[in-house]
Amino acid sequence: MEFNRDVVLTSVFMALEGAFAYSAFLPSIMTIGTFVDSEEKVKMIRQGEVVGTAFLIGLSFTVAGVTHSPLPAIMGLGAGALAILVYEYALRGAPIYQDEKVD
């Protein structure tokens, strides 16, 4: 499969957008690690992940259609998957999932 430079450059930008698409719908990982202390807040994080993923899928396939190449979708969705892993890792460290420590 051969790609021209414009498609590769556009795909790199899709990967960047894939990494940052979730920030429009979710708080930072520091905020998650500090303030997510209830099931309701976990539910809101999951909703943000779903909306961010739907946005990224739509954008990735739109750009892939415009460029007539699968590369933007592959790179955008790959970066999005990495972003989800980062958010899930942050959730594991959230206060709701930490054992209460008694001093």
PDB file of N, CA and C in Angstrom:
ATOM      1  N   MET A   1       0.849  -1.172   0.000  1.00  0.00           N
ATOM      2  CA  MET A   1       0.000   0.000   0.000  1.00  0.00           C
ATOM      3  C   MET A   1       0.896   1.238   0.000  1.00  0.00           C
ATOM      4  N   GLU A   2       0.700   2.114  -0.938  1.00  0.00           N
ATOM      5  CA  GLU A   2       1.526   3.307  -1.065  1.00  0.00           C
ATOM      6  C   GLU A   2       0.749   4.540  -0.602  1.00  0.00           C
ATOM      7  N   PHE A   3       1.406   5.401   0.157  1.00  0.00           N
ATOM      8  CA  PHE A   3       0.778   6.613   0.664  1.00  0.00           C
ATOM      9  C   PHE A   3       1.581   7.823   0.213  1.00  0.00           C
ATOM     10  N   ASN A   4       0.875   8.871  -0.180  1.00  0.00           N
ATOM     11  CA  ASN A   4       1.606  10.091  -0.520  1.00  0.00           C
ATOM     12  C   ASN A   4       1.866  10.904   0.743  1.00  0.00           C
ATOM     13  N   ARG A   5       2.709  11.920   0.636  1.00  0.00           N
ATOM     14  CA  ARG A   5       3.105  12.704   1.806  1.00  0.00           C
ATOM     15  C   ARG A   5       1.925  13.423   2.463  1.00  0.00           C
ATOM     16  N   ASP A   6       0.990  13.910   1.663  1.00  0.00           N
ATOM     17  CA  ASP A   6      -0.167  14.604   2.234  1.00  0.00           C
ATOM     18  C   ASP A   6      -1.003  13.661   3.097  1.00  0.00           C
ATOM     19  N   VAL A   7      -1.164  12.438   2.640  1.00  0.00           N
ATOM     20  CA  VAL A   7      -1.933  11.456   3.411  1.00  0.00           C
ATOM     21  C   VAL A   7      -1.193  11.119   4.705  1.00  0.00           C
ATOM     22  N   VAL A   8       0.105  10.951   4.618  1.00  0.00           N
ATOM     23  CA  VAL A   8       0.892  10.645   5.825  1.00  0.00           C
ATOM     24  C   VAL A   8       0.812  11.798   6.813  1.00  0.00           C
ATOM     25  N   LEU A   9       0.980  13.026   6.334  1.00  0.00           N
ATOM     26  CA  LEU A   9       0.901  14.191   7.221  1.00  0.00           C
ATOM     27  C   LEU A   9      -0.487  14.316   7.856  1.00  0.00           C
ATOM     28  N   THR A  10      -1.522  14.133   7.050  1.00  0.00           N
ATOM     29  CA  THR A  10      -2.887  14.175   7.568  1.00  0.00           C
ATOM     30  C   THR A  10      -3.100  13.066   8.602  1.00  0.00           C
ATOM     31  N   SER A  11      -2.508  11.917   8.367  1.00  0.00           N
ATOM     32  CA  SER A  11      -2.647  10.791   9.299  1.00  0.00           C
ATOM     33  C   SER A  11      -1.941  11.074  10.613  1.00  0.00           C
ATOM     34  N   VAL A  12      -0.805  11.750  10.553  1.00  0.00           N
ATOM     35  CA  VAL A  12      -0.112  12.131  11.786  1.00  0.00           C
ATOM     36  C   VAL A  12      -0.990  13.090  12.586  1.00  0.00           C
ATOM     37  N   PHE A  13      -1.610  14.042  11.904  1.00  0.00           N
ATOM     38  CA  PHE A  13      -2.514  14.952  12.608  1.00  0.00           C
ATOM     39  C   PHE A  13      -3.728  14.213  13.159  1.00  0.00           C
ATOM     40  N   MET A  14      -4.192  13.193  12.468  1.00  0.00           N
ATOM     41  CA  MET A  14      -5.308  12.388  12.998  1.00  0.00           C
ATOM     42  C   MET A  14      -4.874  11.652  14.255  1.00  0.00           C
ATOM     43  N   ALA A  15      -3.641  11.170  14.274  1.00  0.00           N
ATOM     44  CA  ALA A  15      -3.143  10.500  15.474  1.00  0.00           C
ATOM     45  C   ALA A  15      -3.080  11.486  16.641  1.00  0.00           C
ATOM     46  N   LEU A  16      -2.632  12.697  16.365  1.00  0.00           N
ATOM     47  CA  LEU A  16      -2.610  13.715  17.426  1.00  0.00           C
ATOM     48  C   LEU A  16      -4.020  14.013  17.913  1.00  0.00           C
ATOM     49  N   GLU A  17      -4.951  14.153  16.998  1.00  0.00           N
ATOM     50  CA  GLU A  17      -6.343  14.398  17.390  1.00  0.00           C
ATOM     51  C   GLU A  17      -6.904  13.199  18.143  1.00  0.00           C
ATOM     52  N   GLY A  18      -6.508  12.009  17.735  1.00  0.00           N
ATOM     53  CA  GLY A  18      -6.956  10.805  18.441  1.00  0.00           C
ATOM     54  C   GLY A  18      -6.498  10.792  19.883  1.00  0.00           C
ATOM     55  N   ALA A  19      -5.298  11.288  20.108  1.00  0.00           N
ATOM     56  CA  ALA A  19      -4.771  11.334  21.473  1.00  0.00           C
ATOM     57  C   ALA A  19      -5.467  12.394  22.318  1.00  0.00           C
ATOM     58  N   PHE A  20      -5.892  13.485  21.673  1.00  0.00           N
ATOM     59  CA  PHE A  20      -6.457  14.604  22.416  1.00  0.00           C
ATOM     60  C   PHE A  20      -7.977  14.743  22.297  1.00  0.00           C
ATOM     61  N   ALA A  21      -8.614  13.908  21.503  1.00  0.00           N
ATOM     62  CA  ALA A  21     -10.067  14.025  21.297  1.00  0.00           C
ATOM     63  C   ALA A  21     -10.831  13.900  22.610  1.00  0.00           C
ATOM     64  N   TYR A  22     -10.322  13.116  23.511  1.00  0.00           N
ATOM     65  CA  TYR A  22     -11.039  12.861  24.762  1.00  0.00           C
ATOM     66  C   TYR A  22     -10.993  14.049  25.723  1.00  0.00           C
ATOM     67  N   SER A  23     -10.001  14.915  25.565  1.00  0.00           N
ATOM     68  CA  SER A  23      -9.871  16.033  26.499  1.00  0.00           C
ATOM     69  C   SER A  23     -11.034  17.015  26.406  1.00  0.00           C
ATOM     70  N   ALA A  24     -11.771  16.989  25.307  1.00  0.00           N
ATOM     71  CA  ALA A  24     -12.951  17.850  25.195  1.00  0.00           C
ATOM     72  C   ALA A  24     -14.108  17.321  26.038  1.00  0.00           C
ATOM     73  N   PHE A  25     -14.061  16.055  26.375  1.00  0.00           N
ATOM     74  CA  PHE A  25     -15.180  15.417  27.075  1.00  0.00           C
ATOM     75  C   PHE A  25     -14.812  14.886  28.455  1.00  0.00           C
ATOM     76  N   LEU A  26     -13.524  14.886  28.789  1.00  0.00           N
ATOM     77  CA  LEU A  26     -13.059  14.294  30.040  1.00  0.00           C
ATOM     78  C   LEU A  26     -12.099  15.234  30.773  1.00  0.00           C
ATOM     79  N   PRO A  27     -12.037  15.095  32.098  1.00  0.00           N
ATOM     80  CA  PRO A  27     -11.068  15.882  32.863  1.00  0.00           C
ATOM     81  C   PRO A  27      -9.660  15.308  32.680  1.00  0.00           C
ATOM     82  N   SER A  28      -8.677  15.998  33.199  1.00  0.00           N
ATOM     83  CA  SER A  28      -7.298  15.519  33.105  1.00  0.00           C
ATOM     84  C   SER A  28      -7.115  14.274  33.978  1.00  0.00           C
ATOM     85  N   ILE A  29      -6.029  13.556  33.726  1.00  0.00           N
ATOM     86  CA  ILE A  29      -5.776  12.367  34.531  1.00  0.00           C
ATOM     87  C   ILE A  29      -5.446  12.739  35.980  1.00  0.00           C
ATOM     88  N   MET A  30      -4.876  13.918  36.191  1.00  0.00           N
ATOM     89  CA  MET A  30      -4.627  14.384  37.560  1.00  0.00           C
ATOM     90  C   MET A  30      -5.952  14.614  38.282  1.00  0.00           C
ATOM     91  N   THR A  31      -6.917  15.210  37.587  1.00  0.00           N
ATOM     92  CA  THR A  31      -8.224  15.463  38.195  1.00  0.00           C
ATOM     93  C   THR A  31      -8.924  14.147  38.517  1.00  0.00           C
ATOM     94  N   ILE A  32      -8.840  13.193  37.611  1.00  0.00           N
ATOM     95  CA  ILE A  32      -9.440  11.879  37.863  1.00  0.00           C
ATOM     96  C   ILE A  32      -8.796  11.248  39.098  1.00  0.00           C
ATOM     97  N   GLY A  33      -7.471  11.279  39.152  1.00  0.00           N
ATOM     98  CA  GLY A  33      -6.760  10.670  40.278  1.00  0.00           C
ATOM     99  C   GLY A  33      -6.990  11.366  41.603  1.00  0.00           C
ATOM    100  N   THR A  34      -7.495  12.581  41.559  1.00  0.00           N
ATOM    101  CA  THR A  34      -7.703  13.343  42.784  1.00  0.00           C
ATOM    102  C   THR A  34      -9.165  13.375  43.235  1.00  0.00           C
ATOM    103  N   PHE A  35     -10.090  13.510  42.287  1.00  0.00           N
ATOM    104  CA  PHE A  35     -11.469  13.820  42.650  1.00  0.00           C
ATOM    105  C   PHE A  35     -12.516  12.761  42.322  1.00  0.00           C
ATOM    106  N   VAL A  36     -12.171  11.707  41.626  1.00  0.00           N
ATOM    107  CA  VAL A  36     -13.171  10.688  41.288  1.00  0.00           C
ATOM    108  C   VAL A  36     -13.310   9.755  42.488  1.00  0.00           C
ATOM    109  N   ASP A  37     -14.325  10.065  43.300  1.00  0.00           N
ATOM    110  CA  ASP A  37     -14.486   9.348  44.565  1.00  0.00           C
ATOM    111  C   ASP A  37     -15.877   8.747  44.751  1.00  0.00           C
ATOM    112  N   SER A  38     -16.637   8.628  43.659  1.00  0.00           N
ATOM    113  CA  SER A  38     -17.969   8.021  43.764  1.00  0.00           C
ATOM    114  C   SER A  38     -18.301   7.282  42.465  1.00  0.00           C
ATOM    115  N   GLU A  39     -19.235   6.372  42.573  1.00  0.00           N
ATOM    116  CA  GLU A  39     -19.674   5.623  41.383  1.00  0.00           C
ATOM    117  C   GLU A  39     -20.281   6.558  40.336  1.00  0.00           C
ATOM    118  N   GLU A  40     -20.944   7.613  40.789  1.00  0.00           N
ATOM    119  CA  GLU A  40     -21.532   8.584  39.850  1.00  0.00           C
ATOM    120  C   GLU A  40     -20.446   9.258  39.011  1.00  0.00           C
ATOM    121  N   LYS A  41     -19.338   9.585  39.648  1.00  0.00           N
ATOM    122  CA  LYS A  41     -18.236  10.218  38.915  1.00  0.00           C
ATOM    123  C   LYS A  41     -17.575   9.229  37.957  1.00  0.00           C
ATOM    124  N   VAL A  42     -17.464   7.979  38.353  1.00  0.00           N
ATOM    125  CA  VAL A  42     -16.937   6.941  37.448  1.00  0.00           C
ATOM    126  C   VAL A  42     -17.865   6.811  36.242  1.00  0.00           C
ATOM    127  N   LYS A  43     -19.169   6.830  36.488  1.00  0.00           N
ATOM    128  CA  LYS A  43     -20.139   6.753  35.397  1.00  0.00           C
ATOM    129  C   LYS A  43     -19.979   7.932  34.435  1.00  0.00           C
ATOM    130  N   MET A  44     -19.740   9.120  34.967  1.00  0.00           N
ATOM    131  CA  MET A  44     -19.545  10.295  34.109  1.00  0.00           C
ATOM    132  C   MET A  44     -18.271  10.157  33.279  1.00  0.00           C
ATOM    133  N   ILE A  45     -17.213   9.587  33.860  1.00  0.00           N
ATOM    134  CA  ILE A  45     -15.977   9.351  33.105  1.00  0.00           C
ATOM    135  C   ILE A  45     -16.256   8.376  31.968  1.00  0.00           C
ATOM    136  N   ARG A  46     -16.977   7.319  32.254  1.00  0.00           N
ATOM    137  CA  ARG A  46     -17.311   6.333  31.205  1.00  0.00           C
ATOM    138  C   ARG A  46     -18.152   6.980  30.098  1.00  0.00           C
ATOM    139  N   GLN A  47     -19.076   7.844  30.467  1.00  0.00           N
ATOM    140  CA  GLN A  47     -19.871   8.545  29.454  1.00  0.00           C
ATOM    141  C   GLN A  47     -18.979   9.416  28.578  1.00  0.00           C
ATOM    142  N   GLY A  48     -18.017  10.086  29.181  1.00  0.00           N
ATOM    143  CA  GLY A  48     -17.066  10.894  28.425  1.00  0.00           C
ATOM    144  C   GLY A  48     -16.235  10.047  27.478  1.00  0.00           C
ATOM    145  N   GLU A  49     -15.852   8.855  27.928  1.00  0.00           N
ATOM    146  CA  GLU A  49     -15.104   7.947  27.058  1.00  0.00           C
ATOM    147  C   GLU A  49     -15.945   7.524  25.851  1.00  0.00           C
ATOM    148  N   VAL A  50     -17.211   7.242  26.079  1.00  0.00           N
ATOM    149  CA  VAL A  50     -18.093   6.835  24.977  1.00  0.00           C
ATOM    150  C   VAL A  50     -18.279   7.980  23.983  1.00  0.00           C
ATOM    151  N   VAL A  51     -18.555   9.177  24.480  1.00  0.00           N
ATOM    152  CA  VAL A  51     -18.756  10.325  23.591  1.00  0.00           C
ATOM    153  C   VAL A  51     -17.460  10.650  22.841  1.00  0.00           C
ATOM    154  N   GLY A  52     -16.330  10.649  23.529  1.00  0.00           N
ATOM    155  CA  GLY A  52     -15.049  10.904  22.886  1.00  0.00           C
ATOM    156  C   GLY A  52     -14.737   9.876  21.808  1.00  0.00           C
ATOM    157  N   THR A  53     -15.050   8.623  22.090  1.00  0.00           N
ATOM    158  CA  THR A  53     -14.828   7.556  21.110  1.00  0.00           C
ATOM    159  C   THR A  53     -15.730   7.725  19.900  1.00  0.00           C
ATOM    160  N   ALA A  54     -16.995   8.040  20.118  1.00  0.00           N
ATOM    161  CA  ALA A  54     -17.926   8.254  18.992  1.00  0.00           C
ATOM    162  C   ALA A  54     -17.443   9.427  18.128  1.00  0.00           C
ATOM    163  N   PHE A  55     -17.012  10.509  18.768  1.00  0.00           N
ATOM    164  CA  PHE A  55     -16.478  11.664  18.045  1.00  0.00           C
ATOM    165  C   PHE A  55     -15.263  11.257  17.216  1.00  0.00           C
ATOM    166  N   LEU A  56     -14.339  10.538  17.839  1.00  0.00           N
ATOM    167  CA  LEU A  56     -13.107  10.149  17.159  1.00  0.00           C
ATOM    168  C   LEU A  56     -13.383   9.190  16.002  1.00  0.00           C
ATOM    169  N   ILE A  57     -14.285   8.257  16.175  1.00  0.00           N
ATOM    170  CA  ILE A  57     -14.636   7.336  15.084  1.00  0.00           C
ATOM    171  C   ILE A  57     -15.187   8.122  13.903  1.00  0.00           C
ATOM    172  N   GLY A  58     -16.131   9.019  14.184  1.00  0.00           N
ATOM    173  CA  GLY A  58     -16.708   9.825  13.103  1.00  0.00           C
ATOM    174  C   GLY A  58     -15.661  10.650  12.384  1.00  0.00           C
ATOM    175  N   LEU A  59     -14.804  11.313  13.150  1.00  0.00           N
ATOM    176  CA  LEU A  59     -13.765  12.153  12.548  1.00  0.00           C
ATOM    177  C   LEU A  59     -12.754  11.313  11.770  1.00  0.00           C
ATOM    178  N   SER A  60     -12.318  10.202  12.345  1.00  0.00           N
ATOM    179  CA  SER A  60     -11.322   9.353  11.686  1.00  0.00           C
ATOM    180  C   SER A  60     -11.821   8.820  10.354  1.00  0.00           C
ATOM    181  N   PHE A  61     -13.054   8.356  10.327  1.00  0.00           N
ATOM    182  CA  PHE A  61     -13.579   7.803   9.077  1.00  0.00           C
ATOM    183  C   PHE A  61     -13.915   8.899   8.074  1.00  0.00           C
ATOM    184  N   THR A  62     -14.272  10.071   8.546  1.00  0.00           N
ATOM    185  CA  THR A  62     -14.490  11.197   7.632  1.00  0.00           C
ATOM    186  C   THR A  62     -13.183  11.581   6.944  1.00  0.00           C
ATOM    187  N   VAL A  63     -12.122  11.710   7.740  1.00  0.00           N
ATOM    188  CA  VAL A  63     -10.822  12.061   7.163  1.00  0.00           C
ATOM    189  C   VAL A  63     -10.322  10.936   6.245  1.00  0.00           C
ATOM    190  N   ALA A  64     -10.541   9.698   6.630  1.00  0.00           N
ATOM    191  CA  ALA A  64     -10.151   8.582   5.767  1.00  0.00           C
ATOM    192  C   ALA A  64     -10.903   8.638   4.437  1.00  0.00           C
ATOM    193  N   GLY A  65     -12.170   8.997   4.479  1.00  0.00           N
ATOM    194  CA  GLY A  65     -12.956   9.127   3.250  1.00  0.00           C
ATOM    195  C   GLY A  65     -12.472  10.264   2.373  1.00  0.00           C
ATOM    196  N   VAL A  66     -12.146  11.386   2.982  1.00  0.00           N
ATOM    197  CA  VAL A  66     -11.667  12.548   2.221  1.00  0.00           C
ATOM    198  C   VAL A  66     -10.317  12.252   1.565  1.00  0.00           C
ATOM    199  N   THR A  67      -9.451  11.562   2.275  1.00  0.00           N
ATOM    200  CA  THR A  67      -8.120  11.263   1.746  1.00  0.00           C
ATOM    201  C   THR A  67      -8.093   9.993   0.893  1.00  0.00           C
ATOM    202  N   HIS A  68      -9.190   9.250   0.892  1.00  0.00           N
ATOM    203  CA  HIS A  68      -9.272   7.970   0.164  1.00  0.00           C
ATOM    204  C   HIS A  68      -8.178   7.006   0.629  1.00  0.00           C
ATOM    205  N   SER A  69      -7.950   7.011   1.930  1.00  0.00           N
ATOM    206  CA  SER A  69      -6.916   6.166   2.515  1.00  0.00           C
ATOM    207  C   SER A  69      -7.375   5.697   3.895  1.00  0.00           C
ATOM    208  N   PRO A  70      -7.062   4.464   4.256  1.00  0.00           N
ATOM    209  CA  PRO A  70      -7.403   3.989   5.602  1.00  0.00           C
ATOM    210  C   PRO A  70      -6.439   4.481   6.679  1.00  0.00           C
ATOM    211  N   LEU A  71      -5.295   5.031   6.270  1.00  0.00           N
ATOM    212  CA  LEU A  71      -4.259   5.396   7.234  1.00  0.00           C
ATOM    213  C   LEU A  71      -4.718   6.402   8.297  1.00  0.00           C
ATOM    214  N   PRO A  72      -5.465   7.461   7.946  1.00  0.00           N
ATOM    215  CA  PRO A  72      -5.916   8.374   9.012  1.00  0.00           C
ATOM    216  C   PRO A  72      -6.802   7.687  10.048  1.00  0.00           C
ATOM    217  N   ALA A  73      -7.659   6.786   9.609  1.00  0.00           N
ATOM    218  CA  ALA A  73      -8.526   6.073  10.549  1.00  0.00           C
ATOM    219  C   ALA A  73      -7.704   5.147  11.443  1.00  0.00           C
ATOM    220  N   ILE A  74      -6.756   4.456  10.840  1.00  0.00           N
ATOM    221  CA  ILE A  74      -5.917   3.533  11.614  1.00  0.00           C
ATOM    222  C   ILE A  74      -5.126   4.297  12.679  1.00  0.00           C
ATOM    223  N   MET A  75      -4.499   5.379  12.272  1.00  0.00           N
ATOM    224  CA  MET A  75      -3.666   6.136  13.220  1.00  0.00           C
ATOM    225  C   MET A  75      -4.512   6.867  14.257  1.00  0.00           C
ATOM    226  N   GLY A  76      -5.628   7.449  13.845  1.00  0.00           N
ATOM    227  CA  GLY A  76      -6.507   8.140  14.783  1.00  0.00           C
ATOM    228  C   GLY A  76      -7.084   7.202  15.819  1.00  0.00           C
ATOM    229  N   LEU A  77      -7.589   6.060  15.363  1.00  0.00           N
ATOM    230  CA  LEU A  77      -8.191   5.109  16.290  1.00  0.00           C
ATOM    231  C   LEU A  77      -7.145   4.438  17.178  1.00  0.00           C
ATOM    232  N   GLY A  78      -5.954   4.224  16.639  1.00  0.00           N
ATOM    233  CA  GLY A  78      -4.872   3.665  17.461  1.00  0.00           C
ATOM    234  C   GLY A  78      -4.492   4.603  18.592  1.00  0.00           C
ATOM    235  N   ALA A  79      -4.368   5.885  18.274  1.00  0.00           N
ATOM    236  CA  ALA A  79      -4.050   6.866  19.311  1.00  0.00           C
ATOM    237  C   ALA A  79      -5.197   6.996  20.305  1.00  0.00           C
ATOM    238  N   GLY A  80      -6.428   6.887  19.823  1.00  0.00           N
ATOM    239  CA  GLY A  80      -7.587   6.925  20.708  1.00  0.00           C
ATOM    240  C   GLY A  80      -7.598   5.749  21.673  1.00  0.00           C
ATOM    241  N   ALA A  81      -7.228   4.583  21.169  1.00  0.00           N
ATOM    242  CA  ALA A  81      -7.158   3.399  22.041  1.00  0.00           C
ATOM    243  C   ALA A  81      -6.116   3.607  23.136  1.00  0.00           C
ATOM    244  N   LEU A  82      -4.998   4.206  22.769  1.00  0.00           N
ATOM    245  CA  LEU A  82      -3.974   4.512  23.770  1.00  0.00           C
ATOM    246  C   LEU A  82      -4.505   5.503  24.804  1.00  0.00           C
ATOM    247  N   ALA A  83      -5.250   6.506  24.355  1.00  0.00           N
ATOM    248  CA  ALA A  83      -5.829   7.485  25.277  1.00  0.00           C
ATOM    249  C   ALA A  83      -6.787   6.812  26.265  1.00  0.00           C
ATOM    250  N   ILE A  84      -7.603   5.894  25.774  1.00  0.00           N
ATOM    251  CA  ILE A  84      -8.528   5.160  26.660  1.00  0.00           C
ATOM    252  C   ILE A  84      -7.735   4.379  27.711  1.00  0.00           C
ATOM    253  N   LEU A  85      -6.648   3.747  27.300  1.00  0.00           N
ATOM    254  CA  LEU A  85      -5.822   3.018  28.267  1.00  0.00           C
ATOM    255  C   LEU A  85      -5.282   3.948  29.344  1.00  0.00           C
ATOM    256  N   VAL A  86      -4.873   5.149  28.964  1.00  0.00           N
ATOM    257  CA  VAL A  86      -4.373   6.122  29.933  1.00  0.00           C
ATOM    258  C   VAL A  86      -5.479   6.523  30.908  1.00  0.00           C
ATOM    259  N   TYR A  87      -6.678   6.794  30.389  1.00  0.00           N
ATOM    260  CA  TYR A  87      -7.790   7.167  31.272  1.00  0.00           C
ATOM    261  C   TYR A  87      -8.176   6.013  32.195  1.00  0.00           C
ATOM    262  N   GLU A  88      -8.160   4.789  31.692  1.00  0.00           N
ATOM    263  CA  GLU A  88      -8.489   3.643  32.539  1.00  0.00           C
ATOM    264  C   GLU A  88      -7.429   3.454  33.624  1.00  0.00           C
ATOM    265  N   TYR A  89      -6.177   3.676  33.278  1.00  0.00           N
ATOM    266  CA  TYR A  89      -5.102   3.607  34.271  1.00  0.00           C
ATOM    267  C   TYR A  89      -5.304   4.669  35.348  1.00  0.00           C
ATOM    268  N   ALA A  90      -5.675   5.866  34.919  1.00  0.00           N
ATOM    269  CA  ALA A  90      -5.931   6.944  35.880  1.00  0.00           C
ATOM    270  C   ALA A  90      -7.096   6.578  36.801  1.00  0.00           C
ATOM    271  N   LEU A  91      -8.129   5.958  36.239  1.00  0.00           N
ATOM    272  CA  LEU A  91      -9.269   5.556  37.079  1.00  0.00           C
ATOM    273  C   LEU A  91      -8.858   4.548  38.143  1.00  0.00           C
ATOM    274  N   ARG A  92      -7.956   3.650  37.808  1.00  0.00           N
ATOM    275  CA  ARG A  92      -7.507   2.658  38.790  1.00  0.00           C
ATOM    276  C   ARG A  92      -6.849   3.308  39.995  1.00  0.00           C
ATOM    277  N   GLY A  93      -6.269   4.482  39.788  1.00  0.00           N
ATOM    278  CA  GLY A  93      -5.642   5.209  40.893  1.00  0.00           C
ATOM    279  C   GLY A  93      -6.563   6.204  41.566  1.00  0.00           C
ATOM    280  N   ALA A  94      -7.819   6.280  41.111  1.00  0.00           N
ATOM    281  CA  ALA A  94      -8.773   7.249  41.670  1.00  0.00           C
ATOM    282  C   ALA A  94      -9.118   6.898  43.113  1.00  0.00           C
ATOM    283  N   PRO A  95      -9.489   7.911  43.892  1.00  0.00           N
ATOM    284  CA  PRO A  95      -9.814   7.680  45.304  1.00  0.00           C
ATOM    285  C   PRO A  95     -10.876   6.595  45.542  1.00  0.00           C
ATOM    286  N   ILE A  96     -11.835   6.461  44.639  1.00  0.00           N
ATOM    287  CA  ILE A  96     -12.893   5.461  44.855  1.00  0.00           C
ATOM    288  C   ILE A  96     -12.329   4.038  44.926  1.00  0.00           C
ATOM    289  N   TYR A  97     -11.218   3.798  44.265  1.00  0.00           N
ATOM    290  CA  TYR A  97     -10.665   2.451  44.221  1.00  0.00           C
ATOM    291  C   TYR A  97      -9.480   2.237  45.156  1.00  0.00           C
ATOM    292  N   GLN A  98      -9.180   3.206  45.986  1.00  0.00           N
ATOM    293  CA  GLN A  98      -8.066   3.089  46.917  1.00  0.00           C
ATOM    294  C   GLN A  98      -8.560   2.607  48.265  1.00  0.00           C
ATOM    295  N   ASP A  99      -7.756   1.786  48.899  1.00  0.00           N
ATOM    296  CA  ASP A  99      -8.109   1.328  50.245  1.00  0.00           C
ATOM    297  C   ASP A  99      -7.990   2.516  51.192  1.00  0.00           C
ATOM    298  N   GLU A 100      -8.922   2.589  52.110  1.00  0.00           N
ATOM    299  CA  GLU A 100      -8.849   3.664  53.117  1.00  0.00           C
ATOM    300  C   GLU A 100      -7.664   3.380  54.024  1.00  0.00           C
ATOM    301  N   LYS A 101      -6.869   4.411  54.216  1.00  0.00           N
ATOM    302  CA  LYS A 101      -5.697   4.274  55.065  1.00  0.00           C
ATOM    303  C   LYS A 101      -5.964   4.997  56.384  1.00  0.00           C
ATOM    304  N   VAL A 102      -5.665   4.305  57.444  1.00  0.00           N
ATOM    305  CA  VAL A 102      -5.842   4.895  58.769  1.00  0.00           C
ATOM    306  C   VAL A 102      -4.461   5.262  59.300  1.00  0.00           C
ATOM    307  N   ASP A 103      -4.294   6.514  59.703  1.00  0.00           N
ATOM    308  CA  ASP A 103      -2.986   6.949  60.235  1.00  0.00           C
ATOM    309  C   ASP A 103      -2.882   6.648  61.693  1.00  0.00           C
TER     310      ASP A 103
END
